[in-house]
Amino acid sequence: MSSARIRVAIVTGGVLLAAGLATGASSHAEEGGTNRMLPVLINFSDSAHADPGTLKAAAAERYFGAIDSLASYYTQVSGGAMTYTPAVHEKVVGPYTLDLKAAGCDWNGMRQLTQEELEERGLTQGDDYDSLSIILPGEKSDCNWGGMGDMPGPYTWVNQRDADMEDPTVLIHEVGHNLGLDHQPRPVRTAT
């Protein structure tokens, strides 16, 4: 993301984040502090990430890098009151192959099966991580979104087909939903 685009996003997001903090958009936003984010690569039974090693490195930068990342964005727009840190040493885990086909875009099934995989590896929500971000392979999936986030809540989904790990915009947007921030309503214009 160009530095000019990130500055515009930061200014705009800072206003939205400040508004969310002021109006009590979510309990996490009100509390501020550190959120332990766990990004997880998942594969479906019929679709997998082509180069998981490269993707994990790129994702680690987009989530937690010093610049142009989810962590740097929210640290800056909150004035340091809110930070996102890796929940585990390796920063991004997986890929875990779920017993789930790509077609159907079963986002709830993805979350449930991913959490089961994590629990089998000794990682439980609350004890080991606060937020879960699922990175799915877009090939064969019929998800009609680039990313999705609970509003408010601790879960995000990133569709690798549509979301570019070189640009943190999708992550920043979806975590905004986690914080309780909605899409900006746009007025309907009529021809006169």
N, C-alpha and C. Protein backbone atom coordinates (compact mmCIF):
# COMPACT_ATOMS: atom_id res chain seq x y z
N MET A 1 0.86 -1.16 0.00
CA MET A 1 0.00 0.00 0.00
C MET A 1 0.90 1.22 0.00
N SER A 2 0.59 2.18 -0.82
CA SER A 2 1.42 3.38 -0.86
C SER A 2 1.26 4.14 0.45
N SER A 3 2.32 4.90 0.79
CA SER A 3 2.26 5.63 2.06
C SER A 3 1.15 6.66 2.05
N ALA A 4 0.83 7.24 0.88
CA ALA A 4 -0.27 8.20 0.82
C ALA A 4 -1.61 7.51 1.10
N ARG A 5 -1.80 6.31 0.53
CA ARG A 5 -3.05 5.59 0.77
C ARG A 5 -3.18 5.18 2.22
N ILE A 6 -2.09 4.72 2.83
CA ILE A 6 -2.17 4.31 4.23
C ILE A 6 -2.44 5.52 5.12
N ARG A 7 -1.86 6.69 4.78
CA ARG A 7 -2.13 7.90 5.59
C ARG A 7 -3.60 8.27 5.51
N VAL A 8 -4.20 8.21 4.31
CA VAL A 8 -5.62 8.51 4.18
C VAL A 8 -6.43 7.49 4.97
N ALA A 9 -6.06 6.21 4.86
CA ALA A 9 -6.78 5.18 5.61
C ALA A 9 -6.63 5.40 7.10
N ILE A 10 -5.44 5.80 7.54
CA ILE A 10 -5.22 6.02 8.96
C ILE A 10 -6.03 7.20 9.46
N VAL A 11 -6.03 8.30 8.72
CA VAL A 11 -6.82 9.47 9.13
C VAL A 11 -8.29 9.10 9.20
N THR A 12 -8.80 8.47 8.14
CA THR A 12 -10.21 8.08 8.11
C THR A 12 -10.52 7.08 9.21
N GLY A 13 -9.67 6.05 9.31
CA GLY A 13 -9.89 5.02 10.32
C GLY A 13 -9.75 5.56 11.72
N GLY A 14 -8.82 6.51 11.90
CA GLY A 14 -8.64 7.10 13.23
C GLY A 14 -9.88 7.80 13.71
N VAL A 15 -10.54 8.50 12.81
CA VAL A 15 -11.80 9.16 13.16
C VAL A 15 -12.84 8.11 13.51
N LEU A 16 -12.93 7.04 12.70
CA LEU A 16 -13.89 5.98 12.98
C LEU A 16 -13.56 5.25 14.28
N LEU A 17 -12.27 4.95 14.49
CA LEU A 17 -11.88 4.26 15.70
C LEU A 17 -12.16 5.12 16.92
N ALA A 18 -11.82 6.40 16.83
CA ALA A 18 -12.09 7.30 17.95
C ALA A 18 -13.59 7.36 18.24
N ALA A 19 -14.39 7.40 17.17
CA ALA A 19 -15.85 7.41 17.36
C ALA A 19 -16.31 6.11 18.01
N GLY A 20 -15.74 4.99 17.57
CA GLY A 20 -16.09 3.70 18.16
C GLY A 20 -15.70 3.63 19.61
N LEU A 21 -14.52 4.14 19.94
CA LEU A 21 -14.08 4.13 21.33
C LEU A 21 -14.97 5.02 22.19
N ALA A 22 -15.36 6.15 21.64
CA ALA A 22 -16.18 7.09 22.40
C ALA A 22 -17.60 6.58 22.62
N THR A 23 -18.13 5.85 21.65
CA THR A 23 -19.51 5.40 21.77
C THR A 23 -19.63 4.00 22.34
N GLY A 24 -18.51 3.38 22.69
CA GLY A 24 -18.58 2.04 23.26
C GLY A 24 -18.93 1.01 22.22
N ALA A 25 -18.27 1.04 21.06
CA ALA A 25 -18.59 0.13 19.96
C ALA A 25 -18.44 -1.32 20.36
N SER A 26 -17.48 -1.65 21.16
CA SER A 26 -17.34 -3.03 21.63
C SER A 26 -16.53 -3.03 22.91
N SER A 27 -16.62 -4.11 23.65
CA SER A 27 -15.90 -4.15 24.91
C SER A 27 -14.40 -4.10 24.68
N HIS A 28 -13.89 -4.75 23.62
CA HIS A 28 -12.45 -4.70 23.37
C HIS A 28 -12.01 -3.28 23.04
N ALA A 29 -12.82 -2.59 22.23
CA ALA A 29 -12.47 -1.22 21.86
C ALA A 29 -12.46 -0.33 23.10
N GLU A 30 -13.41 -0.53 23.99
CA GLU A 30 -13.46 0.28 25.20
C GLU A 30 -12.26 0.01 26.09
N GLU A 31 -11.86 -1.25 26.19
CA GLU A 31 -10.78 -1.62 27.08
C GLU A 31 -9.42 -1.23 26.51
N GLY A 32 -9.31 -1.24 25.18
CA GLY A 32 -8.00 -1.01 24.59
C GLY A 32 -7.08 -2.17 24.93
N GLY A 33 -5.82 -1.88 25.13
CA GLY A 33 -4.88 -2.91 25.54
C GLY A 33 -4.35 -3.73 24.38
N THR A 34 -3.85 -4.89 24.73
CA THR A 34 -3.23 -5.78 23.76
C THR A 34 -4.16 -6.91 23.39
N ASN A 35 -4.31 -7.14 22.10
CA ASN A 35 -5.10 -8.24 21.58
C ASN A 35 -4.13 -9.24 20.96
N ARG A 36 -4.17 -10.48 21.44
CA ARG A 36 -3.32 -11.54 20.89
C ARG A 36 -4.05 -12.17 19.70
N MET A 37 -3.59 -11.82 18.51
CA MET A 37 -4.21 -12.28 17.27
C MET A 37 -3.54 -13.56 16.80
N LEU A 38 -4.36 -14.53 16.39
CA LEU A 38 -3.84 -15.80 15.85
C LEU A 38 -4.32 -15.97 14.41
N PRO A 39 -3.48 -15.62 13.42
CA PRO A 39 -3.80 -15.91 12.03
C PRO A 39 -3.52 -17.38 11.73
N VAL A 40 -4.46 -18.03 11.04
CA VAL A 40 -4.35 -19.46 10.73
C VAL A 40 -4.63 -19.69 9.25
N LEU A 41 -3.70 -20.37 8.57
CA LEU A 41 -3.96 -20.80 7.20
C LEU A 41 -4.75 -22.09 7.27
N ILE A 42 -5.84 -22.14 6.51
CA ILE A 42 -6.59 -23.39 6.40
C ILE A 42 -6.60 -23.84 4.94
N ASN A 43 -6.67 -25.14 4.76
CA ASN A 43 -6.94 -25.74 3.45
C ASN A 43 -8.27 -26.46 3.56
N PHE A 44 -8.94 -26.57 2.44
CA PHE A 44 -10.16 -27.38 2.37
C PHE A 44 -9.77 -28.78 1.91
N SER A 45 -10.69 -29.72 2.02
CA SER A 45 -10.40 -31.08 1.57
C SER A 45 -10.17 -31.13 0.06
N ASP A 46 -10.66 -30.13 -0.68
CA ASP A 46 -10.52 -30.12 -2.14
C ASP A 46 -9.82 -28.86 -2.68
N SER A 47 -9.19 -28.08 -1.82
CA SER A 47 -8.51 -26.86 -2.25
C SER A 47 -7.47 -26.47 -1.20
N ALA A 48 -6.27 -26.12 -1.70
CA ALA A 48 -5.19 -25.81 -0.77
C ALA A 48 -4.43 -24.57 -1.24
N HIS A 49 -3.76 -23.92 -0.30
CA HIS A 49 -2.87 -22.81 -0.64
C HIS A 49 -1.71 -23.35 -1.46
N ALA A 50 -1.36 -22.66 -2.55
CA ALA A 50 -0.32 -23.12 -3.45
C ALA A 50 1.08 -23.05 -2.82
N ASP A 51 1.36 -21.99 -2.07
CA ASP A 51 2.69 -21.80 -1.50
C ASP A 51 2.54 -21.31 -0.06
N PRO A 52 2.23 -22.23 0.87
CA PRO A 52 1.95 -21.80 2.23
C PRO A 52 3.12 -21.12 2.94
N GLY A 53 4.35 -21.52 2.64
CA GLY A 53 5.51 -20.90 3.30
C GLY A 53 5.62 -19.42 2.97
N THR A 54 5.50 -19.10 1.67
CA THR A 54 5.57 -17.71 1.24
C THR A 54 4.38 -16.92 1.78
N LEU A 55 3.21 -17.54 1.76
CA LEU A 55 2.00 -16.87 2.26
C LEU A 55 2.11 -16.59 3.75
N LYS A 56 2.63 -17.52 4.53
CA LYS A 56 2.78 -17.31 5.97
C LYS A 56 3.71 -16.13 6.26
N ALA A 57 4.81 -16.04 5.51
CA ALA A 57 5.74 -14.92 5.71
C ALA A 57 5.07 -13.59 5.37
N ALA A 58 4.34 -13.57 4.24
CA ALA A 58 3.65 -12.34 3.84
C ALA A 58 2.56 -11.98 4.85
N ALA A 59 1.83 -12.98 5.32
CA ALA A 59 0.76 -12.73 6.29
C ALA A 59 1.34 -12.20 7.60
N ALA A 60 2.46 -12.74 8.05
CA ALA A 60 3.08 -12.25 9.28
C ALA A 60 3.41 -10.77 9.18
N GLU A 61 3.89 -10.34 8.01
CA GLU A 61 4.17 -8.92 7.79
C GLU A 61 2.90 -8.09 7.78
N ARG A 62 1.83 -8.57 7.12
CA ARG A 62 0.59 -7.80 7.01
C ARG A 62 -0.14 -7.73 8.34
N TYR A 63 0.00 -8.72 9.17
CA TYR A 63 -0.65 -8.68 10.48
C TYR A 63 0.19 -7.90 11.50
N PHE A 64 1.52 -8.14 11.52
CA PHE A 64 2.32 -7.66 12.65
C PHE A 64 3.55 -6.84 12.27
N GLY A 65 3.75 -6.52 11.01
CA GLY A 65 4.94 -5.77 10.60
C GLY A 65 4.99 -4.37 11.20
N ALA A 66 6.17 -3.77 11.13
CA ALA A 66 6.38 -2.44 11.71
C ALA A 66 5.66 -1.34 10.93
N ILE A 67 5.46 -1.53 9.62
CA ILE A 67 4.75 -0.54 8.81
C ILE A 67 3.74 -1.26 7.91
N ASP A 68 2.73 -0.53 7.50
CA ASP A 68 1.70 -1.06 6.60
C ASP A 68 1.15 -2.41 7.06
N SER A 69 0.78 -2.51 8.33
CA SER A 69 0.24 -3.76 8.87
C SER A 69 -0.99 -3.45 9.72
N LEU A 70 -1.72 -4.50 10.03
CA LEU A 70 -2.84 -4.40 10.95
C LEU A 70 -2.38 -3.82 12.29
N ALA A 71 -1.30 -4.36 12.83
CA ALA A 71 -0.80 -3.92 14.14
C ALA A 71 -0.36 -2.46 14.11
N SER A 72 0.40 -2.07 13.10
CA SER A 72 0.88 -0.68 13.05
C SER A 72 -0.27 0.30 12.87
N TYR A 73 -1.26 -0.09 12.09
CA TYR A 73 -2.42 0.77 11.85
C TYR A 73 -3.18 1.05 13.16
N TYR A 74 -3.59 -0.02 13.85
CA TYR A 74 -4.39 0.18 15.05
C TYR A 74 -3.58 0.80 16.20
N THR A 75 -2.31 0.53 16.26
CA THR A 75 -1.47 1.20 17.26
C THR A 75 -1.45 2.70 16.98
N GLN A 76 -1.30 3.06 15.71
CA GLN A 76 -1.22 4.48 15.36
C GLN A 76 -2.55 5.19 15.55
N VAL A 77 -3.65 4.63 15.04
CA VAL A 77 -4.93 5.35 15.12
C VAL A 77 -5.49 5.40 16.54
N SER A 78 -5.04 4.51 17.41
CA SER A 78 -5.51 4.54 18.79
C SER A 78 -4.55 5.30 19.70
N GLY A 79 -3.50 5.85 19.12
CA GLY A 79 -2.52 6.55 19.94
C GLY A 79 -1.80 5.62 20.90
N GLY A 80 -1.66 4.37 20.52
CA GLY A 80 -0.97 3.38 21.35
C GLY A 80 -1.86 2.71 22.38
N ALA A 81 -3.14 3.08 22.43
CA ALA A 81 -4.04 2.47 23.42
C ALA A 81 -4.43 1.05 23.05
N MET A 82 -4.31 0.69 21.78
CA MET A 82 -4.72 -0.64 21.32
C MET A 82 -3.62 -1.21 20.44
N THR A 83 -3.19 -2.42 20.76
CA THR A 83 -2.18 -3.08 19.95
C THR A 83 -2.60 -4.51 19.63
N TYR A 84 -2.11 -4.99 18.50
CA TYR A 84 -2.31 -6.39 18.09
C TYR A 84 -0.94 -7.04 18.05
N THR A 85 -0.80 -8.14 18.78
CA THR A 85 0.45 -8.87 18.83
C THR A 85 0.22 -10.32 18.43
N PRO A 86 1.28 -11.00 17.96
CA PRO A 86 1.12 -12.42 17.62
C PRO A 86 0.82 -13.24 18.87
N ALA A 87 -0.12 -14.15 18.75
CA ALA A 87 -0.47 -15.01 19.88
C ALA A 87 0.55 -16.12 20.10
N VAL A 88 1.28 -16.46 19.04
CA VAL A 88 2.27 -17.54 19.13
C VAL A 88 3.58 -17.06 18.50
N HIS A 89 4.67 -17.73 18.87
CA HIS A 89 6.00 -17.34 18.40
C HIS A 89 6.10 -17.33 16.87
N GLU A 90 5.52 -18.32 16.20
CA GLU A 90 5.63 -18.39 14.74
C GLU A 90 4.73 -17.40 14.01
N LYS A 91 3.93 -16.63 14.70
CA LYS A 91 3.05 -15.56 14.23
C LYS A 91 1.85 -16.06 13.45
N VAL A 92 2.05 -16.92 12.45
CA VAL A 92 0.97 -17.47 11.62
C VAL A 92 1.13 -18.98 11.64
N VAL A 93 0.04 -19.70 11.91
CA VAL A 93 0.11 -21.16 11.98
C VAL A 93 -0.65 -21.80 10.82
N GLY A 94 -0.43 -23.10 10.67
CA GLY A 94 -1.07 -23.85 9.60
C GLY A 94 -0.11 -24.09 8.46
N PRO A 95 -0.59 -24.56 7.35
CA PRO A 95 -2.02 -24.78 7.06
C PRO A 95 -2.55 -26.06 7.71
N TYR A 96 -3.80 -25.97 8.13
CA TYR A 96 -4.53 -27.11 8.65
C TYR A 96 -5.59 -27.47 7.62
N THR A 97 -5.64 -28.73 7.24
CA THR A 97 -6.63 -29.17 6.26
C THR A 97 -7.90 -29.57 7.00
N LEU A 98 -8.97 -28.87 6.69
CA LEU A 98 -10.26 -29.11 7.33
C LEU A 98 -11.07 -30.12 6.53
N ASP A 99 -11.87 -30.91 7.20
CA ASP A 99 -12.77 -31.85 6.53
C ASP A 99 -14.00 -31.06 6.08
N LEU A 100 -13.76 -30.21 5.07
CA LEU A 100 -14.78 -29.30 4.58
C LEU A 100 -14.43 -28.96 3.14
N LYS A 101 -15.42 -28.99 2.28
CA LYS A 101 -15.19 -28.62 0.88
C LYS A 101 -15.23 -27.10 0.74
N ALA A 102 -14.52 -26.61 -0.29
CA ALA A 102 -14.45 -25.16 -0.52
C ALA A 102 -15.80 -24.59 -0.91
N ALA A 103 -16.53 -25.29 -1.75
CA ALA A 103 -17.84 -24.79 -2.21
C ALA A 103 -18.79 -24.68 -1.02
N GLY A 104 -19.62 -23.67 -1.07
CA GLY A 104 -20.59 -23.46 -0.01
C GLY A 104 -20.19 -22.35 0.95
N CYS A 105 -18.91 -22.05 1.00
CA CYS A 105 -18.44 -20.94 1.82
C CYS A 105 -19.00 -21.01 3.24
N ASP A 106 -18.81 -22.15 3.89
CA ASP A 106 -19.34 -22.36 5.24
C ASP A 106 -18.41 -21.70 6.26
N TRP A 107 -18.56 -20.39 6.43
CA TRP A 107 -17.67 -19.63 7.30
C TRP A 107 -17.77 -20.09 8.75
N ASN A 108 -18.95 -20.46 9.21
CA ASN A 108 -19.10 -20.93 10.58
C ASN A 108 -18.42 -22.29 10.75
N GLY A 109 -18.56 -23.16 9.75
CA GLY A 109 -17.87 -24.45 9.79
C GLY A 109 -16.36 -24.27 9.79
N MET A 110 -15.87 -23.31 9.01
CA MET A 110 -14.43 -23.01 8.99
C MET A 110 -13.96 -22.63 10.39
N ARG A 111 -14.70 -21.75 11.04
CA ARG A 111 -14.32 -21.31 12.38
C ARG A 111 -14.32 -22.46 13.37
N GLN A 112 -15.40 -23.22 13.36
CA GLN A 112 -15.53 -24.32 14.32
C GLN A 112 -14.43 -25.37 14.13
N LEU A 113 -14.21 -25.80 12.88
CA LEU A 113 -13.19 -26.82 12.63
C LEU A 113 -11.78 -26.29 12.89
N THR A 114 -11.54 -25.02 12.60
CA THR A 114 -10.24 -24.43 12.88
C THR A 114 -10.00 -24.41 14.38
N GLN A 115 -10.99 -24.01 15.16
CA GLN A 115 -10.82 -24.00 16.61
C GLN A 115 -10.60 -25.41 17.16
N GLU A 116 -11.25 -26.40 16.58
CA GLU A 116 -11.02 -27.78 17.00
C GLU A 116 -9.57 -28.19 16.71
N GLU A 117 -9.07 -27.83 15.52
CA GLU A 117 -7.67 -28.12 15.17
C GLU A 117 -6.72 -27.45 16.16
N LEU A 118 -7.00 -26.20 16.49
CA LEU A 118 -6.15 -25.46 17.42
C LEU A 118 -6.17 -26.09 18.81
N GLU A 119 -7.35 -26.49 19.27
CA GLU A 119 -7.46 -27.11 20.59
C GLU A 119 -6.69 -28.42 20.65
N GLU A 120 -6.69 -29.19 19.53
CA GLU A 120 -5.91 -30.43 19.49
C GLU A 120 -4.42 -30.15 19.63
N ARG A 121 -4.00 -28.95 19.26
CA ARG A 121 -2.60 -28.55 19.36
C ARG A 121 -2.34 -27.74 20.64
N GLY A 122 -3.32 -27.70 21.53
CA GLY A 122 -3.14 -27.05 22.83
C GLY A 122 -3.37 -25.55 22.84
N LEU A 123 -4.01 -25.00 21.80
CA LEU A 123 -4.27 -23.56 21.73
C LEU A 123 -5.76 -23.29 21.92
N THR A 124 -6.11 -22.63 23.01
CA THR A 124 -7.51 -22.34 23.28
C THR A 124 -7.74 -20.84 23.36
N GLN A 125 -8.91 -20.45 22.88
CA GLN A 125 -9.26 -19.04 22.90
C GLN A 125 -9.40 -18.58 24.35
N GLY A 126 -8.90 -17.41 24.61
CA GLY A 126 -8.92 -16.86 25.97
C GLY A 126 -7.63 -17.14 26.70
N ASP A 127 -7.19 -18.40 26.70
CA ASP A 127 -5.92 -18.75 27.35
C ASP A 127 -4.72 -18.40 26.47
N ASP A 128 -4.82 -18.72 25.17
CA ASP A 128 -3.67 -18.59 24.27
C ASP A 128 -3.82 -17.51 23.21
N TYR A 129 -5.02 -17.15 22.88
CA TYR A 129 -5.26 -16.10 21.89
C TYR A 129 -6.60 -15.43 22.17
N ASP A 130 -6.69 -14.17 21.71
CA ASP A 130 -7.92 -13.41 21.89
C ASP A 130 -8.76 -13.40 20.61
N SER A 131 -8.09 -13.18 19.48
CA SER A 131 -8.78 -13.09 18.18
C SER A 131 -8.22 -14.13 17.23
N LEU A 132 -9.11 -14.65 16.38
CA LEU A 132 -8.76 -15.68 15.40
C LEU A 132 -9.02 -15.13 14.01
N SER A 133 -8.02 -15.22 13.14
CA SER A 133 -8.17 -14.77 11.76
C SER A 133 -7.87 -15.95 10.84
N ILE A 134 -8.86 -16.37 10.08
CA ILE A 134 -8.75 -17.55 9.22
C ILE A 134 -8.46 -17.10 7.80
N ILE A 135 -7.36 -17.62 7.24
CA ILE A 135 -6.96 -17.29 5.87
C ILE A 135 -7.25 -18.52 5.01
N LEU A 136 -8.25 -18.40 4.14
CA LEU A 136 -8.68 -19.55 3.34
C LEU A 136 -8.22 -19.43 1.90
N PRO A 137 -7.98 -20.57 1.22
CA PRO A 137 -7.63 -20.50 -0.19
C PRO A 137 -8.89 -20.18 -0.99
N GLY A 138 -8.79 -19.23 -1.88
CA GLY A 138 -9.96 -18.81 -2.65
C GLY A 138 -10.31 -19.72 -3.80
N GLU A 139 -9.32 -20.50 -4.27
CA GLU A 139 -9.58 -21.39 -5.39
C GLU A 139 -10.71 -22.36 -5.02
N LYS A 140 -11.68 -22.47 -5.87
CA LYS A 140 -12.86 -23.34 -5.74
C LYS A 140 -13.89 -22.82 -4.74
N SER A 141 -13.55 -21.82 -3.95
CA SER A 141 -14.53 -21.33 -2.98
C SER A 141 -15.49 -20.40 -3.71
N ASP A 142 -16.72 -20.41 -3.29
CA ASP A 142 -17.69 -19.49 -3.89
C ASP A 142 -18.07 -18.38 -2.91
N CYS A 143 -17.14 -18.07 -2.01
CA CYS A 143 -17.35 -16.94 -1.10
C CYS A 143 -17.36 -15.67 -1.94
N ASN A 144 -18.35 -14.84 -1.73
CA ASN A 144 -18.46 -13.63 -2.55
C ASN A 144 -17.89 -12.41 -1.82
N TRP A 145 -16.89 -12.64 -0.98
CA TRP A 145 -16.27 -11.55 -0.23
C TRP A 145 -14.76 -11.76 -0.18
N GLY A 146 -14.03 -10.67 -0.01
CA GLY A 146 -12.58 -10.74 0.16
C GLY A 146 -12.21 -10.95 1.61
N GLY A 147 -13.06 -10.50 2.49
CA GLY A 147 -12.86 -10.68 3.92
C GLY A 147 -14.17 -10.50 4.64
N MET A 148 -14.24 -11.03 5.85
CA MET A 148 -15.45 -10.93 6.65
C MET A 148 -15.03 -10.88 8.12
N GLY A 149 -15.77 -10.11 8.92
CA GLY A 149 -15.47 -10.03 10.35
C GLY A 149 -16.73 -10.00 11.18
N ASP A 150 -16.69 -10.71 12.31
CA ASP A 150 -17.79 -10.63 13.28
C ASP A 150 -17.94 -9.18 13.71
N MET A 151 -19.19 -8.79 14.00
CA MET A 151 -19.42 -7.42 14.43
C MET A 151 -20.37 -7.36 15.61
N PRO A 152 -19.85 -7.04 16.78
CA PRO A 152 -18.47 -7.15 17.19
C PRO A 152 -18.14 -8.61 17.45
N GLY A 153 -16.88 -8.90 17.57
CA GLY A 153 -16.48 -10.26 17.85
C GLY A 153 -15.01 -10.50 17.59
N PRO A 154 -14.55 -11.71 17.85
CA PRO A 154 -13.12 -12.00 17.75
C PRO A 154 -12.69 -12.74 16.48
N TYR A 155 -13.59 -12.87 15.48
CA TYR A 155 -13.26 -13.71 14.32
C TYR A 155 -13.24 -12.90 13.03
N THR A 156 -12.21 -13.17 12.21
CA THR A 156 -12.16 -12.64 10.85
C THR A 156 -11.81 -13.77 9.89
N TRP A 157 -12.26 -13.60 8.66
CA TRP A 157 -11.96 -14.54 7.58
C TRP A 157 -11.39 -13.73 6.42
N VAL A 158 -10.29 -14.22 5.83
CA VAL A 158 -9.66 -13.57 4.69
C VAL A 158 -9.64 -14.57 3.55
N ASN A 159 -10.30 -14.20 2.44
CA ASN A 159 -10.37 -15.05 1.26
C ASN A 159 -9.15 -14.75 0.40
N GLN A 160 -8.22 -15.68 0.32
CA GLN A 160 -6.97 -15.43 -0.38
C GLN A 160 -7.16 -15.17 -1.86
N ARG A 161 -8.26 -15.61 -2.44
CA ARG A 161 -8.52 -15.33 -3.85
C ARG A 161 -8.65 -13.82 -4.09
N ASP A 162 -9.31 -13.14 -3.19
CA ASP A 162 -9.61 -11.72 -3.36
C ASP A 162 -8.69 -10.81 -2.57
N ALA A 163 -8.15 -11.28 -1.48
CA ALA A 163 -7.37 -10.42 -0.60
C ALA A 163 -5.88 -10.61 -0.88
N ASP A 164 -5.20 -9.51 -1.08
CA ASP A 164 -3.78 -9.51 -1.38
C ASP A 164 -3.01 -9.31 -0.09
N MET A 165 -2.12 -10.23 0.25
CA MET A 165 -1.35 -10.11 1.48
C MET A 165 -0.30 -9.01 1.40
N GLU A 166 -0.19 -8.32 0.26
CA GLU A 166 0.71 -7.18 0.16
C GLU A 166 0.02 -5.90 0.65
N ASP A 167 -1.27 -5.96 0.88
CA ASP A 167 -2.05 -4.79 1.25
C ASP A 167 -2.90 -5.13 2.47
N PRO A 168 -2.72 -4.43 3.60
CA PRO A 168 -3.44 -4.77 4.82
C PRO A 168 -4.87 -4.23 4.88
N THR A 169 -5.36 -3.62 3.81
CA THR A 169 -6.67 -2.96 3.85
C THR A 169 -7.80 -3.90 4.26
N VAL A 170 -7.84 -5.11 3.72
CA VAL A 170 -8.91 -6.05 4.07
C VAL A 170 -8.85 -6.39 5.56
N LEU A 171 -7.66 -6.66 6.07
CA LEU A 171 -7.52 -6.98 7.49
C LEU A 171 -7.98 -5.82 8.37
N ILE A 172 -7.52 -4.63 8.05
CA ILE A 172 -7.88 -3.45 8.83
C ILE A 172 -9.39 -3.26 8.83
N HIS A 173 -10.01 -3.41 7.67
CA HIS A 173 -11.46 -3.25 7.53
C HIS A 173 -12.20 -4.28 8.37
N GLU A 174 -11.83 -5.55 8.26
CA GLU A 174 -12.55 -6.60 8.98
C GLU A 174 -12.36 -6.51 10.49
N VAL A 175 -11.18 -6.14 10.94
CA VAL A 175 -10.97 -5.96 12.38
C VAL A 175 -11.77 -4.76 12.87
N GLY A 176 -11.98 -3.77 12.03
CA GLY A 176 -12.88 -2.68 12.38
C GLY A 176 -14.27 -3.20 12.71
N HIS A 177 -14.75 -4.18 11.94
CA HIS A 177 -16.04 -4.82 12.27
C HIS A 177 -15.95 -5.52 13.61
N ASN A 178 -14.83 -6.20 13.90
CA ASN A 178 -14.66 -6.85 15.21
C ASN A 178 -14.83 -5.84 16.33
N LEU A 179 -14.39 -4.61 16.08
CA LEU A 179 -14.48 -3.56 17.09
C LEU A 179 -15.87 -2.91 17.16
N GLY A 180 -16.78 -3.36 16.27
CA GLY A 180 -18.14 -2.83 16.29
C GLY A 180 -18.40 -1.73 15.28
N LEU A 181 -17.43 -1.43 14.42
CA LEU A 181 -17.60 -0.38 13.43
C LEU A 181 -18.30 -0.94 12.19
N ASP A 182 -19.35 -0.28 11.78
CA ASP A 182 -20.15 -0.72 10.64
C ASP A 182 -19.65 -0.04 9.37
N HIS A 183 -20.23 -0.44 8.22
CA HIS A 183 -19.96 0.28 6.98
C HIS A 183 -20.62 1.65 7.05
N GLN A 184 -20.00 2.60 6.41
CA GLN A 184 -20.57 3.94 6.38
C GLN A 184 -21.81 3.92 5.50
N PRO A 185 -22.95 4.38 6.02
CA PRO A 185 -24.14 4.45 5.17
C PRO A 185 -23.94 5.50 4.09
N ARG A 186 -24.40 5.19 2.92
CA ARG A 186 -24.26 6.13 1.81
C ARG A 186 -25.66 6.60 1.40
N PRO A 187 -25.82 7.89 1.26
CA PRO A 187 -27.13 8.39 0.88
C PRO A 187 -27.48 7.98 -0.56
N VAL A 188 -28.74 7.72 -0.76
CA VAL A 188 -29.22 7.40 -2.10
C VAL A 188 -29.47 8.73 -2.82
N ARG A 189 -28.88 8.88 -3.96
CA ARG A 189 -29.05 10.13 -4.72
C ARG A 189 -30.06 9.88 -5.83
N THR A 190 -30.90 10.83 -5.99
CA THR A 190 -31.89 10.74 -7.06
C THR A 190 -31.60 11.81 -8.10
N ALA A 191 -31.94 11.51 -9.33
CA ALA A 191 -31.72 12.46 -10.41
C ALA A 191 -32.73 13.58 -10.28
N THR A 192 -32.29 14.80 -10.54
CA THR A 192 -33.21 15.94 -10.47
C THR A 192 -33.39 16.56 -11.83
